[in-house]
Amino acid sequence: METKTTKGRSGNPRYAMWIVVAIVVALAPLTSSIDDKCAACYAVAAEIELGLSSEKPRNHLDMRHRLDSKGQREGKVIDYRVSELRVVELLDGLCEKMQDYTLEKLESGERAWVKVRNWDSLKTDKQEARAYSKDLSTFCGRLLEETEDELAEWIKKGSIEAGSVSNALCKDLSKHCQFPRDSNEIGDGEL
């Protein structure tokens, strides 16, 4: 009596090839679609700069909420400038704000990240511009994931102030920018 043996799918070279292709396609979104990470980092730093420059003076945080056995308040008063609350307020929602940016071609032929105030008045392909903004938002998430602890400590220590964020974030912490950059290449403009 003759028995048929069939190779399972795992033995089929075509099946193995399709699995490899599926894995590559699945991992493709994890790769960065940002070509110039330095310019993208500068755009994120510019948004942090906006947050720092628009900060309103705040009182100290009173953390004395408990009463001791004598009825005296226990706890401490924390200076807002070195508090975790300040860091959270500066960085919370930062990457969502990056969806207001897109790549714009400059007269020099270079491309720069610019903040878009009105997407309806945009003269370029809006779908492509939105894709760029999503890429920048994703890049921002990865950047913060990599640098958030050190960045938070630098903010709390007062090492980062308005005007110094781009050097701290893009050169010192993330190492995305290892060369001097001309300030007009950053793309501080708005559309």
C-alpha atoms as a PDB file:
ATOM      1  CA  MET A   1       0.000   0.000   0.000  1.00  0.00           C
ATOM      2  CA  GLU A   2       1.305   3.343  -0.992  1.00  0.00           C
ATOM      3  CA  THR A   3       1.043   6.283   1.369  1.00  0.00           C
ATOM      4  CA  LYS A   4       1.223   9.844   0.244  1.00  0.00           C
ATOM      5  CA  THR A   5       3.346  12.193   2.185  1.00  0.00           C
ATOM      6  CA  THR A   6       2.764  15.832   1.635  1.00  0.00           C
ATOM      7  CA  LYS A   7       5.059  18.520   2.636  1.00  0.00           C
ATOM      8  CA  GLY A   8       3.506  20.948   5.013  1.00  0.00           C
ATOM      9  CA  ARG A   9       3.435  24.606   4.222  1.00  0.00           C
ATOM     10  CA  SER A  10       6.529  25.129   6.315  1.00  0.00           C
ATOM     11  CA  GLY A  11       8.552  23.064   3.848  1.00  0.00           C
ATOM     12  CA  ASN A  12       7.391  25.056   0.843  1.00  0.00           C
ATOM     13  CA  PRO A  13       9.984  27.647  -0.236  1.00  0.00           C
ATOM     14  CA  ARG A  14       7.259  29.940  -1.607  1.00  0.00           C
ATOM     15  CA  TYR A  15       5.492  29.954   1.737  1.00  0.00           C
ATOM     16  CA  ALA A  16       8.739  30.845   3.517  1.00  0.00           C
ATOM     17  CA  MET A  17       9.317  33.672   1.050  1.00  0.00           C
ATOM     18  CA  TRP A  18       5.832  35.078   1.707  1.00  0.00           C
ATOM     19  CA  ILE A  19       6.438  34.974   5.441  1.00  0.00           C
ATOM     20  CA  VAL A  20       9.659  36.944   5.001  1.00  0.00           C
ATOM     21  CA  VAL A  21       7.874  39.487   2.789  1.00  0.00           C
ATOM     22  CA  ALA A  22       5.057  39.805   5.329  1.00  0.00           C
ATOM     23  CA  ILE A  23       7.535  40.434   8.145  1.00  0.00           C
ATOM     24  CA  VAL A  24       9.381  43.064   6.108  1.00  0.00           C
ATOM     25  CA  VAL A  25       6.108  44.804   5.230  1.00  0.00           C
ATOM     26  CA  ALA A  26       4.980  44.681   8.843  1.00  0.00           C
ATOM     27  CA  LEU A  27       8.245  46.197  10.062  1.00  0.00           C
ATOM     28  CA  ALA A  28       8.399  48.860   7.343  1.00  0.00           C
ATOM     29  CA  PRO A  29       6.380  51.441   9.323  1.00  0.00           C
ATOM     30  CA  LEU A  30       8.882  51.105  12.158  1.00  0.00           C
ATOM     31  CA  THR A  31      11.657  52.475   9.998  1.00  0.00           C
ATOM     32  CA  SER A  32      11.980  56.198   9.844  1.00  0.00           C
ATOM     33  CA  SER A  33      10.705  57.995   6.804  1.00  0.00           C
ATOM     34  CA  ILE A  34      12.415  61.206   7.919  1.00  0.00           C
ATOM     35  CA  ASP A  35      15.410  61.798   5.650  1.00  0.00           C
ATOM     36  CA  ASP A  36      16.979  64.696   7.552  1.00  0.00           C
ATOM     37  CA  LYS A  37      16.739  63.782  11.228  1.00  0.00           C
ATOM     38  CA  CYS A  38      18.669  66.900  12.189  1.00  0.00           C
ATOM     39  CA  ALA A  39      16.132  69.212  10.552  1.00  0.00           C
ATOM     40  CA  ALA A  40      13.273  67.240  12.087  1.00  0.00           C
ATOM     41  CA  CYS A  41      14.909  67.454  15.506  1.00  0.00           C
ATOM     42  CA  TYR A  42      15.276  71.207  15.079  1.00  0.00           C
ATOM     43  CA  ALA A  43      11.545  71.445  14.314  1.00  0.00           C
ATOM     44  CA  VAL A  44      10.725  69.560  17.539  1.00  0.00           C
ATOM     45  CA  ALA A  45      13.146  71.811  19.440  1.00  0.00           C
ATOM     46  CA  ALA A  46      11.466  74.885  17.937  1.00  0.00           C
ATOM     47  CA  GLU A  47       8.114  73.721  19.306  1.00  0.00           C
ATOM     48  CA  ILE A  48       9.647  73.178  22.761  1.00  0.00           C
ATOM     49  CA  GLU A  49      11.127  76.686  22.465  1.00  0.00           C
ATOM     50  CA  LEU A  50       7.628  78.024  21.805  1.00  0.00           C
ATOM     51  CA  GLY A  51       6.416  76.280  24.947  1.00  0.00           C
ATOM     52  CA  LEU A  52       9.259  77.684  27.035  1.00  0.00           C
ATOM     53  CA  SER A  53       8.856  81.207  25.719  1.00  0.00           C
ATOM     54  CA  SER A  54       5.105  81.209  26.287  1.00  0.00           C
ATOM     55  CA  GLU A  55       5.321  79.902  29.857  1.00  0.00           C
ATOM     56  CA  LYS A  56       3.520  82.062  32.339  1.00  0.00           C
ATOM     57  CA  PRO A  57       5.207  82.689  35.692  1.00  0.00           C
ATOM     58  CA  ARG A  58       3.911  80.206  38.238  1.00  0.00           C
ATOM     59  CA  ASN A  59       3.922  80.128  41.988  1.00  0.00           C
ATOM     60  CA  HIS A  60       5.621  77.395  43.928  1.00  0.00           C
ATOM     61  CA  LEU A  61       3.746  74.120  44.227  1.00  0.00           C
ATOM     62  CA  ASP A  62       2.453  73.564  47.732  1.00  0.00           C
ATOM     63  CA  MET A  63       2.678  69.843  48.455  1.00  0.00           C
ATOM     64  CA  ARG A  64       1.758  70.194  52.128  1.00  0.00           C
ATOM     65  CA  HIS A  65      -1.588  68.409  52.027  1.00  0.00           C
ATOM     66  CA  ARG A  66      -1.340  66.143  55.052  1.00  0.00           C
ATOM     67  CA  LEU A  67      -1.712  67.145  58.655  1.00  0.00           C
ATOM     68  CA  ASP A  68       0.473  65.741  61.406  1.00  0.00           C
ATOM     69  CA  SER A  69      -0.811  64.737  64.851  1.00  0.00           C
ATOM     70  CA  LYS A  70      -0.600  68.382  66.008  1.00  0.00           C
ATOM     71  CA  GLY A  71      -2.642  69.720  63.081  1.00  0.00           C
ATOM     72  CA  GLN A  72       0.382  71.157  61.254  1.00  0.00           C
ATOM     73  CA  ARG A  73       0.667  70.701  57.493  1.00  0.00           C
ATOM     74  CA  GLU A  74       3.321  68.213  56.371  1.00  0.00           C
ATOM     75  CA  GLY A  75       5.112  68.128  53.058  1.00  0.00           C
ATOM     76  CA  LYS A  76       7.174  70.574  51.119  1.00  0.00           C
ATOM     77  CA  VAL A  77       6.891  73.512  48.771  1.00  0.00           C
ATOM     78  CA  ILE A  78       8.462  72.908  45.357  1.00  0.00           C
ATOM     79  CA  ASP A  79       9.649  75.602  42.974  1.00  0.00           C
ATOM     80  CA  TYR A  80       7.595  75.254  39.783  1.00  0.00           C
ATOM     81  CA  ARG A  81      10.667  75.781  37.566  1.00  0.00           C
ATOM     82  CA  VAL A  82      12.257  72.544  38.864  1.00  0.00           C
ATOM     83  CA  SER A  83       9.048  70.537  39.174  1.00  0.00           C
ATOM     84  CA  GLU A  84       7.940  67.467  37.297  1.00  0.00           C
ATOM     85  CA  LEU A  85       4.687  69.317  36.561  1.00  0.00           C
ATOM     86  CA  ARG A  86       6.565  71.858  34.447  1.00  0.00           C
ATOM     87  CA  VAL A  87       8.225  69.089  32.437  1.00  0.00           C
ATOM     88  CA  VAL A  88       4.881  67.373  31.874  1.00  0.00           C
ATOM     89  CA  GLU A  89       3.231  70.620  30.783  1.00  0.00           C
ATOM     90  CA  LEU A  90       6.062  71.349  28.332  1.00  0.00           C
ATOM     91  CA  LEU A  91       6.270  67.889  26.782  1.00  0.00           C
ATOM     92  CA  ASP A  92       2.665  66.684  27.022  1.00  0.00           C
ATOM     93  CA  GLY A  93       1.026  66.896  23.613  1.00  0.00           C
ATOM     94  CA  LEU A  94       4.261  68.003  21.955  1.00  0.00           C
ATOM     95  CA  CYS A  95       4.177  65.320  19.277  1.00  0.00           C
ATOM     96  CA  GLU A  96       0.535  66.062  18.437  1.00  0.00           C
ATOM     97  CA  LYS A  97       1.581  69.688  17.850  1.00  0.00           C
ATOM     98  CA  MET A  98       4.158  68.434  15.358  1.00  0.00           C
ATOM     99  CA  GLN A  99       1.259  67.499  13.068  1.00  0.00           C
ATOM    100  CA  ASP A 100       0.994  71.245  12.383  1.00  0.00           C
ATOM    101  CA  TYR A 101       4.344  71.086  10.547  1.00  0.00           C
ATOM    102  CA  THR A 102       5.155  69.958   7.040  1.00  0.00           C
ATOM    103  CA  LEU A 103       8.116  69.929   4.666  1.00  0.00           C
ATOM    104  CA  GLU A 104       8.260  72.944   2.402  1.00  0.00           C
ATOM    105  CA  LYS A 105      10.626  73.441  -0.508  1.00  0.00           C
ATOM    106  CA  LEU A 106      12.596  76.653  -0.092  1.00  0.00           C
ATOM    107  CA  GLU A 107      13.773  78.924  -2.911  1.00  0.00           C
ATOM    108  CA  SER A 108      17.275  77.500  -2.465  1.00  0.00           C
ATOM    109  CA  GLY A 109      15.947  74.039  -3.313  1.00  0.00           C
ATOM    110  CA  GLU A 110      16.417  72.844   0.260  1.00  0.00           C
ATOM    111  CA  ARG A 111      13.482  71.437   2.190  1.00  0.00           C
ATOM    112  CA  ALA A 112      12.637  72.728   5.648  1.00  0.00           C
ATOM    113  CA  TRP A 113      10.023  71.987   8.289  1.00  0.00           C
ATOM    114  CA  VAL A 114       7.545  74.824   8.619  1.00  0.00           C
ATOM    115  CA  LYS A 115       4.517  75.305  10.833  1.00  0.00           C
ATOM    116  CA  VAL A 116       1.250  75.456   8.914  1.00  0.00           C
ATOM    117  CA  ARG A 117      -1.371  77.840  10.297  1.00  0.00           C
ATOM    118  CA  ASN A 118      -3.999  77.174   7.633  1.00  0.00           C
ATOM    119  CA  TRP A 119      -3.963  73.840   5.810  1.00  0.00           C
ATOM    120  CA  ASP A 120      -6.597  75.081   3.346  1.00  0.00           C
ATOM    121  CA  SER A 121      -4.287  77.801   2.031  1.00  0.00           C
ATOM    122  CA  LEU A 122      -1.445  75.343   1.446  1.00  0.00           C
ATOM    123  CA  LYS A 123      -0.387  75.432  -2.211  1.00  0.00           C
ATOM    124  CA  THR A 124       1.322  72.030  -2.267  1.00  0.00           C
ATOM    125  CA  ASP A 125      -0.244  68.575  -2.321  1.00  0.00           C
ATOM    126  CA  LYS A 126      -2.241  68.496   0.928  1.00  0.00           C
ATOM    127  CA  GLN A 127      -2.200  64.710   1.190  1.00  0.00           C
ATOM    128  CA  GLU A 128       1.575  64.625   0.868  1.00  0.00           C
ATOM    129  CA  ALA A 129       1.905  67.524   3.331  1.00  0.00           C
ATOM    130  CA  ARG A 130      -0.252  65.657   5.863  1.00  0.00           C
ATOM    131  CA  ALA A 131       1.867  62.540   5.407  1.00  0.00           C
ATOM    132  CA  TYR A 132       4.978  64.584   6.197  1.00  0.00           C
ATOM    133  CA  SER A 133       3.324  65.975   9.311  1.00  0.00           C
ATOM    134  CA  LYS A 134       2.459  62.477  10.517  1.00  0.00           C
ATOM    135  CA  ASP A 135       6.031  61.359   9.854  1.00  0.00           C
ATOM    136  CA  LEU A 136       7.321  64.251  11.955  1.00  0.00           C
ATOM    137  CA  SER A 137       4.881  63.438  14.742  1.00  0.00           C
ATOM    138  CA  THR A 138       6.081  59.822  14.736  1.00  0.00           C
ATOM    139  CA  PHE A 139       9.697  60.975  14.705  1.00  0.00           C
ATOM    140  CA  CYS A 140       8.936  63.238  17.676  1.00  0.00           C
ATOM    141  CA  GLY A 141       7.524  60.278  19.612  1.00  0.00           C
ATOM    142  CA  ARG A 142      10.664  58.238  19.019  1.00  0.00           C
ATOM    143  CA  LEU A 143      12.883  61.214  19.835  1.00  0.00           C
ATOM    144  CA  LEU A 144      11.118  61.813  23.145  1.00  0.00           C
ATOM    145  CA  GLU A 145      11.194  58.112  23.942  1.00  0.00           C
ATOM    146  CA  GLU A 146      14.976  58.131  23.501  1.00  0.00           C
ATOM    147  CA  THR A 147      15.720  61.411  25.293  1.00  0.00           C
ATOM    148  CA  GLU A 148      12.824  62.136  27.660  1.00  0.00           C
ATOM    149  CA  ASP A 149      14.540  61.218  30.927  1.00  0.00           C
ATOM    150  CA  GLU A 150      17.654  63.282  30.244  1.00  0.00           C
ATOM    151  CA  LEU A 151      15.623  66.133  28.732  1.00  0.00           C
ATOM    152  CA  ALA A 152      13.351  66.223  31.779  1.00  0.00           C
ATOM    153  CA  GLU A 153      16.348  66.367  34.108  1.00  0.00           C
ATOM    154  CA  TRP A 154      17.941  69.161  32.092  1.00  0.00           C
ATOM    155  CA  ILE A 155      14.696  71.149  32.181  1.00  0.00           C
ATOM    156  CA  LYS A 156      14.348  70.656  35.937  1.00  0.00           C
ATOM    157  CA  LYS A 157      17.970  71.659  36.551  1.00  0.00           C
ATOM    158  CA  GLY A 158      17.522  74.804  34.456  1.00  0.00           C
ATOM    159  CA  SER A 159      20.122  73.636  31.928  1.00  0.00           C
ATOM    160  CA  ILE A 160      17.640  74.155  29.095  1.00  0.00           C
ATOM    161  CA  GLU A 161      16.098  77.540  28.592  1.00  0.00           C
ATOM    162  CA  ALA A 162      14.526  79.326  25.667  1.00  0.00           C
ATOM    163  CA  GLY A 163      17.243  79.653  23.031  1.00  0.00           C
ATOM    164  CA  SER A 164      19.238  76.567  23.949  1.00  0.00           C
ATOM    165  CA  VAL A 165      16.831  73.702  23.278  1.00  0.00           C
ATOM    166  CA  SER A 166      18.035  72.857  19.769  1.00  0.00           C
ATOM    167  CA  ASN A 167      21.657  72.429  20.839  1.00  0.00           C
ATOM    168  CA  ALA A 168      20.731  70.431  23.918  1.00  0.00           C
ATOM    169  CA  LEU A 169      18.182  68.170  22.232  1.00  0.00           C
ATOM    170  CA  CYS A 170      19.637  67.741  18.762  1.00  0.00           C
ATOM    171  CA  LYS A 171      23.375  67.808  19.390  1.00  0.00           C
ATOM    172  CA  ASP A 172      23.936  66.744  22.987  1.00  0.00           C
ATOM    173  CA  LEU A 173      21.090  64.323  23.745  1.00  0.00           C
ATOM    174  CA  SER A 174      19.968  62.732  20.480  1.00  0.00           C
ATOM    175  CA  LYS A 175      23.175  63.273  18.462  1.00  0.00           C
ATOM    176  CA  HIS A 176      21.076  63.845  15.306  1.00  0.00           C
ATOM    177  CA  CYS A 177      23.031  67.008  14.514  1.00  0.00           C
ATOM    178  CA  GLN A 178      26.778  66.628  14.661  1.00  0.00           C
ATOM    179  CA  PHE A 179      27.645  69.627  12.515  1.00  0.00           C
ATOM    180  CA  PRO A 180      27.002  73.361  12.814  1.00  0.00           C
ATOM    181  CA  ARG A 181      23.785  74.436  11.144  1.00  0.00           C
ATOM    182  CA  ASP A 182      22.938  77.725   9.557  1.00  0.00           C
ATOM    183  CA  SER A 183      19.964  79.197  11.414  1.00  0.00           C
ATOM    184  CA  ASN A 184      18.055  79.952   8.220  1.00  0.00           C
ATOM    185  CA  GLU A 185      17.980  76.248   7.334  1.00  0.00           C
ATOM    186  CA  ILE A 186      15.935  75.355  10.394  1.00  0.00           C
ATOM    187  CA  GLY A 187      12.654  76.382   8.836  1.00  0.00           C
ATOM    188  CA  ASP A 188      11.291  78.614  11.547  1.00  0.00           C
ATOM    189  CA  GLY A 189       8.799  80.043   9.096  1.00  0.00           C
ATOM    190  CA  GLU A 190       5.074  79.595   8.984  1.00  0.00           C
ATOM    191  CA  LEU A 191       2.675  79.051   6.146  1.00  0.00           C
END
